[in-house]
Amino acid sequence: MRVFYDKDVEPAALRSRKIAVIGYGSQGFAQANNLRESGHQVTVGLRPESSSVAKAAAAELTFCRWRRPRQRPTWS
């Protein structure tokens, strides 16, 4: 197993990119806030009826609402 440390990564590689975090549960909350506090541009994707919309707004995160498709796509 390889362990990565701060010296092993280049944070500037993500600075010019937009990062999306889907969901704002315990992991989404931690990852979105950690990335934002590190200076990255983060958008959180949430369902319109999600109770997390208010939490993301209170944390002053950019968020977008998305809807699931009514039908599952059929794959051939």
N, C-alpha and C. Protein backbone atom coordinates (compact mmCIF):
# COMPACT_ATOMS: atom_id res chain seq x y z
N MET A 1 0.84 -1.17 0.00
CA MET A 1 0.00 0.00 0.00
C MET A 1 0.89 1.24 0.00
N ARG A 2 0.52 2.20 -0.83
CA ARG A 2 1.27 3.45 -0.90
C ARG A 2 0.51 4.53 -0.16
N VAL A 3 1.19 5.26 0.69
CA VAL A 3 0.60 6.37 1.44
C VAL A 3 1.05 7.67 0.79
N PHE A 4 0.10 8.57 0.55
CA PHE A 4 0.42 9.86 -0.05
C PHE A 4 0.46 10.94 1.02
N TYR A 5 1.42 11.84 0.89
CA TYR A 5 1.58 12.95 1.82
C TYR A 5 1.45 14.27 1.06
N ASP A 6 1.38 15.37 1.78
CA ASP A 6 1.24 16.68 1.15
C ASP A 6 2.31 16.93 0.10
N LYS A 7 3.52 16.49 0.35
CA LYS A 7 4.62 16.72 -0.59
C LYS A 7 4.45 15.93 -1.89
N ASP A 8 3.56 14.94 -1.90
CA ASP A 8 3.36 14.09 -3.07
C ASP A 8 2.34 14.64 -4.06
N VAL A 9 1.67 15.71 -3.72
CA VAL A 9 0.61 16.23 -4.60
C VAL A 9 0.93 17.65 -5.05
N GLU A 10 0.31 18.05 -6.13
CA GLU A 10 0.46 19.40 -6.66
C GLU A 10 -0.90 20.08 -6.65
N PRO A 11 -1.26 20.81 -5.57
CA PRO A 11 -2.58 21.43 -5.46
C PRO A 11 -2.90 22.40 -6.60
N ALA A 12 -1.92 23.01 -7.18
CA ALA A 12 -2.16 23.97 -8.25
C ALA A 12 -2.76 23.31 -9.49
N ALA A 13 -2.63 22.01 -9.62
CA ALA A 13 -3.18 21.30 -10.78
C ALA A 13 -4.71 21.41 -10.84
N LEU A 14 -5.37 21.61 -9.72
CA LEU A 14 -6.83 21.72 -9.69
C LEU A 14 -7.32 23.16 -9.61
N ARG A 15 -6.46 24.12 -9.39
CA ARG A 15 -6.88 25.51 -9.16
C ARG A 15 -7.68 26.08 -10.33
N SER A 16 -7.32 25.74 -11.55
CA SER A 16 -8.01 26.32 -12.71
C SER A 16 -9.25 25.52 -13.11
N ARG A 17 -9.58 24.49 -12.37
CA ARG A 17 -10.70 23.62 -12.71
C ARG A 17 -11.89 23.86 -11.80
N LYS A 18 -13.08 23.58 -12.32
CA LYS A 18 -14.29 23.61 -11.50
C LYS A 18 -14.49 22.19 -10.96
N ILE A 19 -14.79 22.09 -9.68
CA ILE A 19 -14.97 20.79 -9.03
C ILE A 19 -16.41 20.65 -8.60
N ALA A 20 -17.04 19.53 -8.92
CA ALA A 20 -18.41 19.26 -8.52
C ALA A 20 -18.43 18.14 -7.49
N VAL A 21 -19.19 18.35 -6.44
CA VAL A 21 -19.42 17.33 -5.41
C VAL A 21 -20.91 17.01 -5.47
N ILE A 22 -21.24 15.76 -5.71
CA ILE A 22 -22.64 15.37 -5.82
C ILE A 22 -23.12 14.90 -4.46
N GLY A 23 -24.07 15.62 -3.91
CA GLY A 23 -24.60 15.30 -2.58
C GLY A 23 -23.91 16.10 -1.50
N TYR A 24 -24.62 16.31 -0.40
CA TYR A 24 -24.07 17.09 0.70
C TYR A 24 -24.34 16.39 2.02
N GLY A 25 -24.16 15.06 2.01
CA GLY A 25 -24.24 14.28 3.24
C GLY A 25 -22.94 14.45 4.01
N SER A 26 -22.61 13.51 4.85
CA SER A 26 -21.42 13.66 5.69
C SER A 26 -20.14 13.76 4.84
N GLN A 27 -20.02 12.95 3.80
CA GLN A 27 -18.81 13.00 2.96
C GLN A 27 -18.82 14.22 2.05
N GLY A 28 -19.97 14.52 1.45
CA GLY A 28 -20.06 15.68 0.57
C GLY A 28 -19.78 16.97 1.32
N PHE A 29 -20.31 17.07 2.53
CA PHE A 29 -20.08 18.24 3.39
C PHE A 29 -18.58 18.42 3.63
N ALA A 30 -17.92 17.35 4.05
CA ALA A 30 -16.49 17.43 4.38
C ALA A 30 -15.65 17.75 3.15
N GLN A 31 -15.92 17.07 2.05
CA GLN A 31 -15.10 17.27 0.86
C GLN A 31 -15.32 18.64 0.22
N ALA A 32 -16.58 19.06 0.13
CA ALA A 32 -16.86 20.37 -0.47
C ALA A 32 -16.24 21.50 0.34
N ASN A 33 -16.39 21.45 1.64
CA ASN A 33 -15.84 22.52 2.49
C ASN A 33 -14.32 22.48 2.52
N ASN A 34 -13.73 21.31 2.54
CA ASN A 34 -12.28 21.19 2.54
C ASN A 34 -11.70 21.76 1.24
N LEU A 35 -12.29 21.39 0.11
CA LEU A 35 -11.80 21.91 -1.17
C LEU A 35 -11.97 23.42 -1.26
N ARG A 36 -13.12 23.92 -0.83
CA ARG A 36 -13.36 25.37 -0.89
C ARG A 36 -12.37 26.12 0.00
N GLU A 37 -12.14 25.61 1.21
CA GLU A 37 -11.20 26.26 2.12
C GLU A 37 -9.76 26.20 1.59
N SER A 38 -9.50 25.24 0.70
CA SER A 38 -8.18 25.14 0.09
C SER A 38 -8.05 26.03 -1.13
N GLY A 39 -9.11 26.79 -1.44
CA GLY A 39 -9.05 27.74 -2.53
C GLY A 39 -9.60 27.27 -3.86
N HIS A 40 -10.27 26.13 -3.89
CA HIS A 40 -10.82 25.60 -5.13
C HIS A 40 -12.24 26.10 -5.36
N GLN A 41 -12.65 26.09 -6.63
CA GLN A 41 -14.00 26.50 -7.01
C GLN A 41 -14.89 25.25 -6.98
N VAL A 42 -15.84 25.20 -6.05
CA VAL A 42 -16.64 23.99 -5.81
C VAL A 42 -18.13 24.30 -6.01
N THR A 43 -18.82 23.39 -6.70
CA THR A 43 -20.27 23.43 -6.84
C THR A 43 -20.82 22.13 -6.30
N VAL A 44 -21.89 22.20 -5.52
CA VAL A 44 -22.52 21.01 -4.94
C VAL A 44 -23.80 20.73 -5.73
N GLY A 45 -23.96 19.49 -6.18
CA GLY A 45 -25.17 19.09 -6.91
C GLY A 45 -26.16 18.45 -5.95
N LEU A 46 -27.40 18.99 -5.92
CA LEU A 46 -28.42 18.51 -4.98
C LEU A 46 -29.76 18.36 -5.68
N ARG A 47 -30.59 17.45 -5.18
CA ARG A 47 -31.97 17.36 -5.66
C ARG A 47 -32.74 18.58 -5.15
N PRO A 48 -33.74 19.03 -5.89
CA PRO A 48 -34.49 20.22 -5.45
C PRO A 48 -35.13 20.07 -4.08
N GLU A 49 -35.59 18.87 -3.76
CA GLU A 49 -36.29 18.67 -2.48
C GLU A 49 -35.34 18.29 -1.33
N SER A 50 -34.05 18.29 -1.59
CA SER A 50 -33.08 17.88 -0.59
C SER A 50 -33.07 18.83 0.61
N SER A 51 -33.00 18.26 1.80
CA SER A 51 -32.89 19.09 3.01
C SER A 51 -31.50 19.73 3.11
N SER A 52 -30.58 19.26 2.30
CA SER A 52 -29.22 19.81 2.33
C SER A 52 -29.08 21.12 1.57
N VAL A 53 -30.11 21.53 0.82
CA VAL A 53 -30.04 22.81 0.10
C VAL A 53 -29.80 23.95 1.10
N ALA A 54 -30.54 23.95 2.20
CA ALA A 54 -30.38 24.99 3.21
C ALA A 54 -28.99 24.94 3.86
N LYS A 55 -28.47 23.72 4.07
CA LYS A 55 -27.15 23.58 4.68
C LYS A 55 -26.05 24.11 3.75
N ALA A 56 -26.16 23.79 2.46
CA ALA A 56 -25.16 24.26 1.49
C ALA A 56 -25.24 25.79 1.36
N ALA A 57 -26.45 26.34 1.37
CA ALA A 57 -26.61 27.79 1.29
C ALA A 57 -26.03 28.46 2.53
N ALA A 58 -26.27 27.87 3.69
CA ALA A 58 -25.74 28.44 4.94
C ALA A 58 -24.21 28.41 4.96
N ALA A 59 -23.62 27.41 4.30
CA ALA A 59 -22.16 27.32 4.24
C ALA A 59 -21.60 28.20 3.12
N GLU A 60 -22.50 28.94 2.44
CA GLU A 60 -22.13 29.83 1.35
C GLU A 60 -21.43 29.12 0.21
N LEU A 61 -21.88 27.90 -0.07
CA LEU A 61 -21.37 27.14 -1.20
C LEU A 61 -22.26 27.38 -2.41
N THR A 62 -21.68 27.32 -3.58
CA THR A 62 -22.46 27.35 -4.81
C THR A 62 -23.10 25.98 -4.97
N PHE A 63 -24.38 25.95 -5.29
CA PHE A 63 -25.02 24.66 -5.50
C PHE A 63 -25.97 24.74 -6.68
N CYS A 64 -26.22 23.60 -7.28
CA CYS A 64 -27.19 23.53 -8.37
C CYS A 64 -28.15 22.40 -8.05
N ARG A 65 -29.37 22.56 -8.50
CA ARG A 65 -30.39 21.54 -8.26
C ARG A 65 -30.55 20.72 -9.53
N TRP A 66 -30.66 19.44 -9.39
CA TRP A 66 -30.84 18.56 -10.54
C TRP A 66 -31.96 17.58 -10.26
N ARG A 67 -32.57 17.12 -11.31
CA ARG A 67 -33.65 16.14 -11.19
C ARG A 67 -33.20 14.82 -11.79
N ARG A 68 -33.66 13.75 -11.19
CA ARG A 68 -33.41 12.44 -11.76
C ARG A 68 -34.35 12.24 -12.94
N PRO A 69 -33.90 11.49 -13.94
CA PRO A 69 -34.79 11.23 -15.06
C PRO A 69 -36.00 10.40 -14.62
N ARG A 70 -37.13 10.62 -15.27
CA ARG A 70 -38.35 9.88 -14.91
C ARG A 70 -38.22 8.40 -15.22
N GLN A 71 -37.54 8.08 -16.29
CA GLN A 71 -37.34 6.69 -16.66
C GLN A 71 -35.86 6.40 -16.73
N ARG A 72 -35.54 5.16 -16.44
CA ARG A 72 -34.15 4.76 -16.62
C ARG A 72 -33.88 4.61 -18.10
N PRO A 73 -32.71 5.01 -18.53
CA PRO A 73 -32.41 4.82 -19.96
C PRO A 73 -32.30 3.34 -20.30
N THR A 74 -32.66 3.01 -21.47
CA THR A 74 -32.50 1.62 -21.93
C THR A 74 -31.22 1.55 -22.74
N TRP A 75 -30.39 0.63 -22.39
CA TRP A 75 -29.10 0.47 -23.05
C TRP A 75 -29.18 -0.70 -24.01
N SER A 76 -28.65 -0.53 -25.17
CA SER A 76 -28.68 -1.62 -26.15
C SER A 76 -27.36 -2.35 -26.20
